[in-house]
Protein backbone atom coordinates (compact mmCIF):
# COMPACT_ATOMS: atom_id res chain seq x y z
CA MET A 1 84.08 121.08 135.88
CA THR A 2 87.54 122.08 137.17
CA TRP A 3 88.64 120.66 140.50
CA THR A 4 90.31 123.17 142.80
CA LEU A 5 91.99 122.82 146.14
CA SER A 6 89.91 124.63 148.69
CA PHE A 7 89.69 125.02 152.45
CA SER A 8 86.46 124.28 154.24
CA GLN A 9 86.16 126.22 157.49
CA SER A 10 83.15 124.21 158.57
CA GLU A 11 85.07 120.92 158.43
CA TYR A 12 88.62 121.96 159.30
CA SER A 13 88.26 124.99 161.58
CA ASP A 14 90.54 123.33 164.16
CA ASP A 15 93.31 122.70 161.64
CA PRO A 16 93.61 125.52 159.07
CA THR A 17 96.52 123.79 157.33
CA ARG A 18 94.39 120.92 156.00
CA ILE A 19 93.43 121.42 152.42
CA ARG A 20 91.35 119.12 150.27
CA ALA A 21 90.34 118.68 146.62
CA HIS A 22 86.84 120.03 146.08
CA PRO A 23 84.82 120.73 142.93
CA ARG A 24 83.07 123.86 144.17
CA ARG A 25 84.42 127.02 142.61
CA SER A 26 82.69 129.06 145.34
CA ASP A 27 85.19 127.77 147.93
CA ARG A 28 88.18 129.12 146.07
CA HIS A 29 88.09 132.41 147.93
CA LEU A 30 88.71 130.55 151.20
CA LEU A 31 92.26 129.81 150.10
CA ILE A 32 93.19 133.45 149.69
CA PRO A 33 93.32 134.47 153.38
CA ILE A 34 95.58 131.51 154.17
CA LEU A 35 97.77 131.11 151.07
CA GLY A 36 97.40 134.44 149.39
CA VAL A 37 96.23 134.94 145.78
CA GLU A 38 99.39 133.48 144.25
CA GLY A 39 99.39 130.43 146.51
CA ALA A 40 95.73 129.73 145.84
CA MET A 41 96.35 129.92 142.10
CA LYS A 42 99.27 127.49 142.37
CA PHE A 43 97.17 124.96 144.23
CA THR A 44 94.39 125.32 141.67
CA VAL A 45 96.81 124.68 138.81
CA CYS A 46 98.23 121.61 140.57
CA ALA A 47 94.77 120.14 141.15
CA THR A 48 93.80 120.74 137.54
CA ALA A 49 97.01 119.08 136.33
CA VAL A 50 96.36 116.02 138.47
CA ALA A 51 92.82 115.72 137.13
CA ALA A 52 94.09 116.05 133.55
CA MET A 53 96.75 113.41 134.17
CA CYS A 54 94.15 110.98 135.51
CA LEU A 55 91.94 111.63 132.49
CA GLY A 56 94.89 111.06 130.19
CA MET A 57 95.64 107.75 131.87
CA ALA A 58 92.02 106.67 131.46
CA CYS A 59 92.14 107.55 127.77
CA HIS A 60 95.39 105.67 127.38
CA ARG A 61 93.73 102.56 128.75
CA ALA A 62 90.99 102.68 126.09
CA PRO A 63 90.99 99.50 124.00
CA ASP A 64 92.79 99.60 120.65
CA THR A 65 91.01 97.50 118.04
CA GLU A 66 94.10 96.74 115.98
CA ASP A 67 96.21 95.70 118.99
CA THR A 68 93.37 93.67 120.50
CA LEU A 69 92.78 91.83 117.23
CA ARG A 70 96.50 91.20 116.78
CA LYS A 71 96.66 89.56 120.21
CA ALA A 72 93.52 87.51 119.53
CA LEU A 73 94.91 86.21 116.24
CA ASP A 74 98.25 85.39 117.85
CA GLN A 75 96.48 83.46 120.59
CA ALA A 76 94.68 81.51 117.85
CA ASN A 77 98.10 80.69 116.27
CA MET A 78 97.37 82.87 113.24
CA HIS A 79 100.57 84.90 113.28
CA GLN A 80 100.65 84.99 109.48
CA VAL A 81 97.45 87.02 109.25
CA GLU A 82 98.10 90.73 108.71
CA VAL A 83 95.75 93.33 110.13
CA LYS A 84 95.15 96.72 108.55
CA LEU A 85 92.70 99.13 110.17
CA ASP A 86 90.88 101.84 108.22
CA ASN A 87 89.83 104.22 111.01
CA ASP A 88 87.89 106.57 108.75
CA GLU A 89 85.55 103.87 107.48
CA HIS A 90 85.77 101.56 110.56
CA ILE A 91 86.92 98.64 108.41
CA VAL A 92 89.40 95.94 109.40
CA HIS A 93 91.28 94.36 106.49
CA LEU A 94 92.64 90.83 106.90
CA LYS A 95 95.57 90.25 104.54
CA GLY A 96 98.16 87.58 103.91
CA VAL A 97 98.28 83.86 103.10
CA VAL A 98 96.83 81.00 105.16
CA GLY A 99 97.07 77.25 104.70
CA SER A 100 93.41 76.32 104.28
CA MET A 101 89.87 77.62 103.82
CA ALA A 102 89.19 76.63 107.43
CA GLU A 103 91.98 78.95 108.64
CA ARG A 104 90.65 81.72 106.43
CA SER A 105 87.17 81.36 107.92
CA ARG A 106 88.57 81.07 111.45
CA ALA A 107 90.52 84.32 111.08
CA GLU A 108 87.35 86.10 110.02
CA GLU A 109 85.45 84.69 113.00
CA VAL A 110 88.14 85.93 115.40
CA ALA A 111 88.09 89.38 113.78
CA ASP A 112 84.29 89.58 113.87
CA ALA A 113 84.30 88.74 117.57
CA VAL A 114 86.78 91.55 118.32
CA VAL A 115 85.28 94.20 116.05
CA GLY A 116 81.66 93.45 116.95
CA THR A 117 79.23 96.17 115.93
CA SER A 118 81.85 98.94 115.98
CA GLY A 119 82.91 98.24 112.39
CA ARG A 120 83.17 95.53 109.77
CA VAL A 121 85.72 92.99 108.58
CA LEU A 122 86.92 92.57 105.00
CA ASN A 123 88.51 89.15 104.58
CA GLU A 124 91.17 89.46 101.87
CA LEU A 125 93.16 86.40 102.93
CA THR A 126 94.54 84.09 100.25
CA VAL A 127 94.60 80.31 100.66
CA LYS A 128 98.03 78.92 99.77
CA GLY A 129 98.05 76.82 96.59
CA LEU A 130 94.34 77.23 95.93
CA ASN A 131 94.12 78.36 92.32
CA ASP A 132 96.49 81.28 92.89
CA THR A 133 96.78 82.06 89.19
CA THR A 134 93.04 81.87 88.63
CA ALA A 135 92.36 84.15 91.59
CA ASP A 136 94.88 86.72 90.36
CA ASP A 137 93.36 86.64 86.88
CA LEU A 138 89.87 87.08 88.30
CA ASP A 139 90.96 90.01 90.45
CA GLY A 140 92.52 91.63 87.39
CA ASP A 141 89.34 91.16 85.39
CA ILE A 142 87.23 92.68 88.17
CA ARG A 143 89.54 95.69 88.42
CA LYS A 144 89.48 96.28 84.67
CA ASN A 145 85.70 96.03 84.61
CA LEU A 146 85.34 98.51 87.45
CA ASP A 147 87.76 100.95 85.81
CA ARG A 148 85.74 100.66 82.61
CA MET A 149 82.50 101.41 84.44
CA ILE A 150 84.00 104.58 85.91
CA ASP A 151 85.43 105.68 82.54
CA ASN A 152 82.00 105.29 80.94
CA ASP A 153 80.35 107.59 83.49
CA PRO A 154 80.68 111.26 82.39
CA THR A 155 80.75 112.53 85.98
CA LEU A 156 82.68 109.84 87.84
CA LYS A 157 85.46 109.65 85.26
CA GLN A 158 86.49 113.13 86.38
CA ARG A 159 87.03 111.93 89.95
CA ASP A 160 90.03 110.25 91.55
CA ILE A 161 88.70 106.71 92.09
CA ASN A 162 90.88 103.63 92.53
CA PHE A 163 90.07 99.98 93.13
CA GLU A 164 92.14 97.46 95.08
CA VAL A 165 90.94 93.91 94.43
CA THR A 166 92.07 90.92 96.51
CA ASN A 167 90.31 87.57 96.26
CA SER A 168 87.26 89.32 94.81
CA MET A 169 87.13 91.71 97.78
CA VAL A 170 87.18 95.31 96.56
CA ALA A 171 88.50 98.32 98.50
CA ILE A 172 87.60 101.66 96.94
CA LYS A 173 89.96 104.59 97.48
CA GLY A 174 90.10 108.16 96.25
CA GLU A 175 87.91 111.26 96.31
CA VAL A 176 84.48 112.27 95.07
CA ARG A 177 82.47 115.47 95.37
CA SER A 178 79.39 114.31 97.28
CA ALA A 179 77.84 111.58 99.40
CA ASP A 180 75.60 110.66 96.45
CA GLU A 181 78.63 110.04 94.25
CA LYS A 182 80.24 107.90 96.94
CA THR A 183 77.05 105.86 97.30
CA ARG A 184 76.71 105.45 93.54
CA VAL A 185 80.28 104.14 93.19
CA GLY A 186 79.69 101.70 96.04
CA GLU A 187 76.48 100.38 94.50
CA MET A 188 78.07 100.03 91.06
CA THR A 189 80.95 98.08 92.59
CA LYS A 190 78.69 95.74 94.56
CA ALA A 191 76.70 94.99 91.41
CA ALA A 192 79.78 94.23 89.30
CA PRO A 193 80.31 90.57 88.28
CA GLY A 194 82.61 88.56 90.54
CA VAL A 195 82.64 91.03 93.46
CA LYS A 196 82.09 89.34 96.84
CA ASP A 197 82.40 92.28 99.22
CA VAL A 198 83.13 96.01 99.12
CA ALA A 199 84.83 98.49 101.46
CA ASN A 200 83.97 101.99 100.30
CA GLY A 201 86.77 104.23 101.55
CA LEU A 202 86.09 107.17 99.23
CA GLN A 203 86.61 110.60 100.80
CA ILE A 204 84.17 113.41 100.09
CA GLU A 205 85.83 116.62 98.95
CA PRO A 206 83.23 119.15 97.73
CA GLY A 207 84.34 121.19 94.74
CA GLN A 208 85.29 124.81 95.16
């Protein structure tokens, strides 16, 4: 509904110069005798612009998940935690190095509280000094195993599928041809040995 500036004779018959914002399109013709066609059009455009500006300001005030989470983590003295937001899949990635398992768990709790039911959190944080070499080796083994599984599938090996593994958390990237293929890759990944959690970010690009 477009707001226009119109003149109501019933309310302002004693003062024809008073003009008000009104949503009724039927009143637009009342402007013409006073302002002329061009003047009425100018007032209509101005009113529409004001309404659009107000709407834009309201949209600008909409909460931003990444910024909100960043502030929440900073308030919890977790400045070292990096936040990466995957808008397409509604997944928040927590990356970086923390000093203890308690800090790692705390960061996930803060993120879960911010994200709520609007998405999910993938905790890829590394605990400083906690079997770094072993964790890297395990991530490498998981990645190799997943690549092998894709190569052994006659259909999926023709797709562009990549795995990012951090602390046994797997993020899947690339493209497949259908929702069934995306689901199948996700299920295969979840069932792979050593995998703790999966973020399936595959894009569906149907073949020509």
